[in-house]
Amino acid sequence: MTELLQQAIAQIQQLPPDQQDAIAARFLAELQDEQKWDAQFVATTDNQWDQMAAMVRQEIAKGETVPLDEVFPAQK
């Protein structure tokens, strides 16, 4: 277990049981979601990636995209 995780668990242990359970439920849900995403990526074929890339290129060519700096402006 990493030091950061140990610190987080130590702080969580100081909370009331209902808050501990709420955090644990969110943590477990996040782990399950990550496992689903990992499985989805592993199952994606090269052909599917190629199709997705072609779709993105078409959207860019049609001007249907927004530059990332407009979505996530630089912080000052």
PDB file of N, CA and C in Angstrom:
ATOM      1  N   MET A   1       0.857  -1.173   0.000  1.00  0.00           N
ATOM      2  CA  MET A   1       0.000   0.000   0.000  1.00  0.00           C
ATOM      3  C   MET A   1       0.899   1.231   0.000  1.00  0.00           C
ATOM      4  N   THR A   2       0.528   2.223  -0.785  1.00  0.00           N
ATOM      5  CA  THR A   2       1.340   3.430  -0.864  1.00  0.00           C
ATOM      6  C   THR A   2       1.144   4.297   0.375  1.00  0.00           C
ATOM      7  N   GLU A   3       2.102   5.185   0.575  1.00  0.00           N
ATOM      8  CA  GLU A   3       2.021   6.097   1.719  1.00  0.00           C
ATOM      9  C   GLU A   3       0.805   7.017   1.597  1.00  0.00           C
ATOM     10  N   LEU A   4       0.520   7.484   0.393  1.00  0.00           N
ATOM     11  CA  LEU A   4      -0.626   8.373   0.196  1.00  0.00           C
ATOM     12  C   LEU A   4      -1.934   7.669   0.532  1.00  0.00           C
ATOM     13  N   LEU A   5      -2.063   6.415   0.104  1.00  0.00           N
ATOM     14  CA  LEU A   5      -3.273   5.662   0.414  1.00  0.00           C
ATOM     15  C   LEU A   5      -3.381   5.419   1.914  1.00  0.00           C
ATOM     16  N   GLN A   6      -2.260   5.149   2.554  1.00  0.00           N
ATOM     17  CA  GLN A   6      -2.268   4.962   4.004  1.00  0.00           C
ATOM     18  C   GLN A   6      -2.726   6.233   4.715  1.00  0.00           C
ATOM     19  N   GLN A   7      -2.277   7.389   4.234  1.00  0.00           N
ATOM     20  CA  GLN A   7      -2.699   8.676   4.816  1.00  0.00           C
ATOM     21  C   GLN A   7      -4.199   8.876   4.647  1.00  0.00           C
ATOM     22  N   ALA A   8      -4.696   8.558   3.458  1.00  0.00           N
ATOM     23  CA  ALA A   8      -6.125   8.728   3.196  1.00  0.00           C
ATOM     24  C   ALA A   8      -6.945   7.820   4.109  1.00  0.00           C
ATOM     25  N   ILE A   9      -6.539   6.575   4.232  1.00  0.00           N
ATOM     26  CA  ILE A   9      -7.273   5.629   5.076  1.00  0.00           C
ATOM     27  C   ILE A   9      -7.232   6.064   6.530  1.00  0.00           C
ATOM     28  N   ALA A  10      -6.092   6.576   6.983  1.00  0.00           N
ATOM     29  CA  ALA A  10      -5.983   7.054   8.366  1.00  0.00           C
ATOM     30  C   ALA A  10      -6.966   8.185   8.627  1.00  0.00           C
ATOM     31  N   GLN A  11      -7.122   9.077   7.670  1.00  0.00           N
ATOM     32  CA  GLN A  11      -8.069  10.180   7.835  1.00  0.00           C
ATOM     33  C   GLN A  11      -9.508   9.677   7.779  1.00  0.00           C
ATOM     34  N   ILE A  12      -9.773   8.747   6.886  1.00  0.00           N
ATOM     35  CA  ILE A  12     -11.123   8.191   6.769  1.00  0.00           C
ATOM     36  C   ILE A  12     -11.517   7.464   8.044  1.00  0.00           C
ATOM     37  N   GLN A  13     -10.573   6.780   8.673  1.00  0.00           N
ATOM     38  CA  GLN A  13     -10.861   6.048   9.907  1.00  0.00           C
ATOM     39  C   GLN A  13     -11.320   6.961  11.041  1.00  0.00           C
ATOM     40  N   GLN A  14     -11.005   8.227  10.950  1.00  0.00           N
ATOM     41  CA  GLN A  14     -11.395   9.182  11.990  1.00  0.00           C
ATOM     42  C   GLN A  14     -12.826   9.686  11.807  1.00  0.00           C
ATOM     43  N   LEU A  15     -13.428   9.377  10.684  1.00  0.00           N
ATOM     44  CA  LEU A  15     -14.786   9.845  10.396  1.00  0.00           C
ATOM     45  C   LEU A  15     -15.814   8.910  11.021  1.00  0.00           C
ATOM     46  N   PRO A  16     -17.048   9.414  11.178  1.00  0.00           N
ATOM     47  CA  PRO A  16     -18.127   8.545  11.660  1.00  0.00           C
ATOM     48  C   PRO A  16     -18.374   7.397  10.672  1.00  0.00           C
ATOM     49  N   PRO A  17     -18.898   6.272  11.157  1.00  0.00           N
ATOM     50  CA  PRO A  17     -19.102   5.099  10.299  1.00  0.00           C
ATOM     51  C   PRO A  17     -19.916   5.367   9.038  1.00  0.00           C
ATOM     52  N   ASP A  18     -20.948   6.198   9.123  1.00  0.00           N
ATOM     53  CA  ASP A  18     -21.762   6.446   7.931  1.00  0.00           C
ATOM     54  C   ASP A  18     -20.964   7.181   6.859  1.00  0.00           C
ATOM     55  N   GLN A  19     -20.087   8.087   7.268  1.00  0.00           N
ATOM     56  CA  GLN A  19     -19.241   8.785   6.298  1.00  0.00           C
ATOM     57  C   GLN A  19     -18.179   7.842   5.736  1.00  0.00           C
ATOM     58  N   GLN A  20     -17.646   6.965   6.575  1.00  0.00           N
ATOM     59  CA  GLN A  20     -16.686   5.969   6.101  1.00  0.00           C
ATOM     60  C   GLN A  20     -17.334   5.085   5.035  1.00  0.00           C
ATOM     61  N   ASP A  21     -18.562   4.647   5.301  1.00  0.00           N
ATOM     62  CA  ASP A  21     -19.265   3.787   4.340  1.00  0.00           C
ATOM     63  C   ASP A  21     -19.551   4.527   3.035  1.00  0.00           C
ATOM     64  N   ALA A  22     -19.899   5.809   3.130  1.00  0.00           N
ATOM     65  CA  ALA A  22     -20.172   6.597   1.922  1.00  0.00           C
ATOM     66  C   ALA A  22     -18.912   6.714   1.073  1.00  0.00           C
ATOM     67  N   ILE A  23     -17.791   6.985   1.704  1.00  0.00           N
ATOM     68  CA  ILE A  23     -16.529   7.098   0.968  1.00  0.00           C
ATOM     69  C   ILE A  23     -16.150   5.745   0.378  1.00  0.00           C
ATOM     70  N   ALA A  24     -16.305   4.685   1.156  1.00  0.00           N
ATOM     71  CA  ALA A  24     -15.978   3.342   0.672  1.00  0.00           C
ATOM     72  C   ALA A  24     -16.841   2.974  -0.531  1.00  0.00           C
ATOM     73  N   ALA A  25     -18.118   3.318  -0.473  1.00  0.00           N
ATOM     74  CA  ALA A  25     -19.017   3.006  -1.593  1.00  0.00           C
ATOM     75  C   ALA A  25     -18.579   3.748  -2.851  1.00  0.00           C
ATOM     76  N   ARG A  26     -18.210   5.022  -2.712  1.00  0.00           N
ATOM     77  CA  ARG A  26     -17.746   5.792  -3.873  1.00  0.00           C
ATOM     78  C   ARG A  26     -16.443   5.218  -4.415  1.00  0.00           C
ATOM     79  N   PHE A  27     -15.553   4.840  -3.514  1.00  0.00           N
ATOM     80  CA  PHE A  27     -14.271   4.277  -3.907  1.00  0.00           C
ATOM     81  C   PHE A  27     -14.470   2.962  -4.664  1.00  0.00           C
ATOM     82  N   LEU A  28     -15.313   2.091  -4.133  1.00  0.00           N
ATOM     83  CA  LEU A  28     -15.584   0.814  -4.798  1.00  0.00           C
ATOM     84  C   LEU A  28     -16.253   1.009  -6.157  1.00  0.00           C
ATOM     85  N   ALA A  29     -17.166   1.973  -6.243  1.00  0.00           N
ATOM     86  CA  ALA A  29     -17.824   2.264  -7.517  1.00  0.00           C
ATOM     87  C   ALA A  29     -16.807   2.773  -8.535  1.00  0.00           C
ATOM     88  N   GLU A  30     -15.878   3.586  -8.085  1.00  0.00           N
ATOM     89  CA  GLU A  30     -14.834   4.106  -8.972  1.00  0.00           C
ATOM     90  C   GLU A  30     -13.939   2.970  -9.474  1.00  0.00           C
ATOM     91  N   LEU A  31     -13.573   2.064  -8.590  1.00  0.00           N
ATOM     92  CA  LEU A  31     -12.761   0.913  -8.994  1.00  0.00           C
ATOM     93  C   LEU A  31     -13.498   0.052 -10.014  1.00  0.00           C
ATOM     94  N   GLN A  32     -14.782  -0.178  -9.783  1.00  0.00           N
ATOM     95  CA  GLN A  32     -15.579  -0.973 -10.716  1.00  0.00           C
ATOM     96  C   GLN A  32     -15.674  -0.282 -12.070  1.00  0.00           C
ATOM     97  N   ASP A  33     -15.855   1.040 -12.061  1.00  0.00           N
ATOM     98  CA  ASP A  33     -15.928   1.796 -13.301  1.00  0.00           C
ATOM     99  C   ASP A  33     -14.606   1.702 -14.063  1.00  0.00           C
ATOM    100  N   GLU A  34     -13.490   1.804 -13.358  1.00  0.00           N
ATOM    101  CA  GLU A  34     -12.178   1.681 -13.995  1.00  0.00           C
ATOM    102  C   GLU A  34     -11.996   0.301 -14.622  1.00  0.00           C
ATOM    103  N   GLN A  35     -12.456  -0.723 -13.929  1.00  0.00           N
ATOM    104  CA  GLN A  35     -12.346  -2.082 -14.472  1.00  0.00           C
ATOM    105  C   GLN A  35     -13.162  -2.228 -15.750  1.00  0.00           C
ATOM    106  N   LYS A  36     -14.342  -1.614 -15.774  1.00  0.00           N
ATOM    107  CA  LYS A  36     -15.179  -1.669 -16.985  1.00  0.00           C
ATOM    108  C   LYS A  36     -14.492  -0.959 -18.148  1.00  0.00           C
ATOM    109  N   TRP A  37     -13.919   0.236 -17.877  1.00  0.00           N
ATOM    110  CA  TRP A  37     -13.224   0.977 -18.930  1.00  0.00           C
ATOM    111  C   TRP A  37     -12.032   0.191 -19.437  1.00  0.00           C
ATOM    112  N   ASP A  38     -11.258  -0.398 -18.510  1.00  0.00           N
ATOM    113  CA  ASP A  38     -10.108  -1.197 -18.925  1.00  0.00           C
ATOM    114  C   ASP A  38     -10.539  -2.341 -19.831  1.00  0.00           C
ATOM    115  N   ALA A  39     -11.606  -3.043 -19.453  1.00  0.00           N
ATOM    116  CA  ALA A  39     -12.101  -4.156 -20.260  1.00  0.00           C
ATOM    117  C   ALA A  39     -12.568  -3.668 -21.626  1.00  0.00           C
ATOM    118  N   GLN A  40     -13.219  -2.515 -21.659  1.00  0.00           N
ATOM    119  CA  GLN A  40     -13.709  -1.960 -22.923  1.00  0.00           C
ATOM    120  C   GLN A  40     -12.543  -1.616 -23.847  1.00  0.00           C
ATOM    121  N   PHE A  41     -11.502  -1.010 -23.304  1.00  0.00           N
ATOM    122  CA  PHE A  41     -10.339  -0.670 -24.127  1.00  0.00           C
ATOM    123  C   PHE A  41      -9.650  -1.918 -24.660  1.00  0.00           C
ATOM    124  N   VAL A  42      -9.500  -2.925 -23.815  1.00  0.00           N
ATOM    125  CA  VAL A  42      -8.850  -4.167 -24.240  1.00  0.00           C
ATOM    126  C   VAL A  42      -9.663  -4.841 -25.348  1.00  0.00           C
ATOM    127  N   ALA A  43     -10.977  -4.748 -25.269  1.00  0.00           N
ATOM    128  CA  ALA A  43     -11.853  -5.414 -26.233  1.00  0.00           C
ATOM    129  C   ALA A  43     -11.988  -4.641 -27.553  1.00  0.00           C
ATOM    130  N   THR A  44     -11.508  -3.411 -27.591  1.00  0.00           N
ATOM    131  CA  THR A  44     -11.633  -2.600 -28.804  1.00  0.00           C
ATOM    132  C   THR A  44     -10.615  -3.071 -29.833  1.00  0.00           C
ATOM    133  N   THR A  45     -11.113  -3.354 -31.021  1.00  0.00           N
ATOM    134  CA  THR A  45     -10.254  -3.867 -32.093  1.00  0.00           C
ATOM    135  C   THR A  45      -9.564  -2.721 -32.822  1.00  0.00           C
ATOM    136  N   ASP A  46      -8.517  -3.063 -33.558  1.00  0.00           N
ATOM    137  CA  ASP A  46      -7.832  -2.047 -34.367  1.00  0.00           C
ATOM    138  C   ASP A  46      -8.795  -1.424 -35.374  1.00  0.00           C
ATOM    139  N   ASN A  47      -9.679  -2.233 -35.933  1.00  0.00           N
ATOM    140  CA  ASN A  47     -10.657  -1.719 -36.888  1.00  0.00           C
ATOM    141  C   ASN A  47     -11.577  -0.692 -36.227  1.00  0.00           C
ATOM    142  N   GLN A  48     -12.002  -0.970 -35.007  1.00  0.00           N
ATOM    143  CA  GLN A  48     -12.857  -0.018 -34.297  1.00  0.00           C
ATOM    144  C   GLN A  48     -12.113   1.288 -34.023  1.00  0.00           C
ATOM    145  N   TRP A  49     -10.837   1.188 -33.623  1.00  0.00           N
ATOM    146  CA  TRP A  49     -10.046   2.407 -33.400  1.00  0.00           C
ATOM    147  C   TRP A  49      -9.914   3.194 -34.696  1.00  0.00           C
ATOM    148  N   ASP A  50      -9.685   2.485 -35.807  1.00  0.00           N
ATOM    149  CA  ASP A  50      -9.568   3.147 -37.104  1.00  0.00           C
ATOM    150  C   ASP A  50     -10.869   3.858 -37.480  1.00  0.00           C
ATOM    151  N   GLN A  51     -12.014   3.203 -37.231  1.00  0.00           N
ATOM    152  CA  GLN A  51     -13.314   3.822 -37.524  1.00  0.00           C
ATOM    153  C   GLN A  51     -13.524   5.064 -36.670  1.00  0.00           C
ATOM    154  N   MET A  52     -13.146   4.982 -35.406  1.00  0.00           N
ATOM    155  CA  MET A  52     -13.307   6.129 -34.522  1.00  0.00           C
ATOM    156  C   MET A  52     -12.418   7.292 -34.973  1.00  0.00           C
ATOM    157  N   ALA A  53     -11.188   6.989 -35.361  1.00  0.00           N
ATOM    158  CA  ALA A  53     -10.281   8.026 -35.840  1.00  0.00           C
ATOM    159  C   ALA A  53     -10.825   8.681 -37.103  1.00  0.00           C
ATOM    160  N   ALA A  54     -11.401   7.883 -37.989  1.00  0.00           N
ATOM    161  CA  ALA A  54     -11.991   8.434 -39.217  1.00  0.00           C
ATOM    162  C   ALA A  54     -13.153   9.357 -38.889  1.00  0.00           C
ATOM    163  N   MET A  55     -13.965   8.976 -37.917  1.00  0.00           N
ATOM    164  CA  MET A  55     -15.089   9.826 -37.510  1.00  0.00           C
ATOM    165  C   MET A  55     -14.586  11.151 -36.948  1.00  0.00           C
ATOM    166  N   VAL A  56     -13.544  11.098 -36.161  1.00  0.00           N
ATOM    167  CA  VAL A  56     -12.981  12.326 -35.585  1.00  0.00           C
ATOM    168  C   VAL A  56     -12.420  13.214 -36.681  1.00  0.00           C
ATOM    169  N   ARG A  57     -11.714  12.615 -37.637  1.00  0.00           N
ATOM    170  CA  ARG A  57     -11.178  13.415 -38.749  1.00  0.00           C
ATOM    171  C   ARG A  57     -12.296  14.098 -39.522  1.00  0.00           C
ATOM    172  N   GLN A  58     -13.419  13.401 -39.725  1.00  0.00           N
ATOM    173  CA  GLN A  58     -14.557  13.996 -40.426  1.00  0.00           C
ATOM    174  C   GLN A  58     -15.130  15.166 -39.629  1.00  0.00           C
ATOM    175  N   GLU A  59     -15.259  14.999 -38.320  1.00  0.00           N
ATOM    176  CA  GLU A  59     -15.789  16.078 -37.487  1.00  0.00           C
ATOM    177  C   GLU A  59     -14.871  17.295 -37.532  1.00  0.00           C
ATOM    178  N   ILE A  60     -13.566  17.057 -37.499  1.00  0.00           N
ATOM    179  CA  ILE A  60     -12.619  18.165 -37.587  1.00  0.00           C
ATOM    180  C   ILE A  60     -12.753  18.864 -38.928  1.00  0.00           C
ATOM    181  N   ALA A  61     -12.824  18.095 -40.019  1.00  0.00           N
ATOM    182  CA  ALA A  61     -12.934  18.664 -41.363  1.00  0.00           C
ATOM    183  C   ALA A  61     -14.214  19.477 -41.524  1.00  0.00           C
ATOM    184  N   LYS A  62     -15.288  19.067 -40.863  1.00  0.00           N
ATOM    185  CA  LYS A  62     -16.567  19.773 -40.948  1.00  0.00           C
ATOM    186  C   LYS A  62     -16.643  20.961 -39.988  1.00  0.00           C
ATOM    187  N   GLY A  63     -15.620  21.141 -39.178  1.00  0.00           N
ATOM    188  CA  GLY A  63     -15.624  22.242 -38.215  1.00  0.00           C
ATOM    189  C   GLY A  63     -16.538  21.976 -37.029  1.00  0.00           C
ATOM    190  N   GLU A  64     -16.778  20.720 -36.731  1.00  0.00           N
ATOM    191  CA  GLU A  64     -17.697  20.356 -35.654  1.00  0.00           C
ATOM    192  C   GLU A  64     -16.990  20.181 -34.305  1.00  0.00           C
ATOM    193  N   THR A  65     -15.734  20.584 -34.234  1.00  0.00           N
ATOM    194  CA  THR A  65     -14.989  20.441 -32.990  1.00  0.00           C
ATOM    195  C   THR A  65     -14.661  21.801 -32.406  1.00  0.00           C
ATOM    196  N   VAL A  66     -14.284  21.810 -31.156  1.00  0.00           N
ATOM    197  CA  VAL A  66     -13.912  23.035 -30.461  1.00  0.00           C
ATOM    198  C   VAL A  66     -12.493  22.847 -29.941  1.00  0.00           C
ATOM    199  N   PRO A  67     -11.620  23.824 -30.125  1.00  0.00           N
ATOM    200  CA  PRO A  67     -10.260  23.688 -29.607  1.00  0.00           C
ATOM    201  C   PRO A  67     -10.269  23.492 -28.082  1.00  0.00           C
ATOM    202  N   LEU A  68      -9.362  22.659 -27.614  1.00  0.00           N
ATOM    203  CA  LEU A  68      -9.299  22.366 -26.182  1.00  0.00           C
ATOM    204  C   LEU A  68      -9.079  23.618 -25.338  1.00  0.00           C
ATOM    205  N   ASP A  69      -8.322  24.590 -25.855  1.00  0.00           N
ATOM    206  CA  ASP A  69      -8.088  25.789 -25.053  1.00  0.00           C
ATOM    207  C   ASP A  69      -9.352  26.617 -24.870  1.00  0.00           C
ATOM    208  N   GLU A  70     -10.365  26.377 -25.677  1.00  0.00           N
ATOM    209  CA  GLU A  70     -11.659  27.026 -25.470  1.00  0.00           C
ATOM    210  C   GLU A  70     -12.470  26.290 -24.408  1.00  0.00           C
ATOM    211  N   VAL A  71     -12.302  24.991 -24.345  1.00  0.00           N
ATOM    212  CA  VAL A  71     -13.009  24.179 -23.367  1.00  0.00           C
ATOM    213  C   VAL A  71     -12.328  24.290 -22.005  1.00  0.00           C
ATOM    214  N   PHE A  72     -10.995  24.254 -22.027  1.00  0.00           N
ATOM    215  CA  PHE A  72     -10.206  24.327 -20.800  1.00  0.00           C
ATOM    216  C   PHE A  72      -9.223  25.494 -20.926  1.00  0.00           C
ATOM    217  N   PRO A  73      -9.698  26.720 -20.665  1.00  0.00           N
ATOM    218  CA  PRO A  73      -8.808  27.869 -20.807  1.00  0.00           C
ATOM    219  C   PRO A  73      -7.645  27.798 -19.813  1.00  0.00           C
ATOM    220  N   ALA A  74      -6.529  28.360 -20.227  1.00  0.00           N
ATOM    221  CA  ALA A  74      -5.342  28.376 -19.361  1.00  0.00           C
ATOM    222  C   ALA A  74      -5.648  29.137 -18.090  1.00  0.00           C
ATOM    223  N   GLN A  75      -5.192  28.565 -16.974  1.00  0.00           N
ATOM    224  CA  GLN A  75      -5.391  29.223 -15.677  1.00  0.00           C
ATOM    225  C   GLN A  75      -4.255  30.194 -15.428  1.00  0.00           C
ATOM    226  N   LYS A  76      -4.602  31.283 -14.816  1.00  0.00           N
ATOM    227  CA  LYS A  76      -3.587  32.306 -14.505  1.00  0.00           C
ATOM    228  C   LYS A  76      -3.188  32.248 -13.075  1.00  0.00           C
TER     229      LYS A  76
END
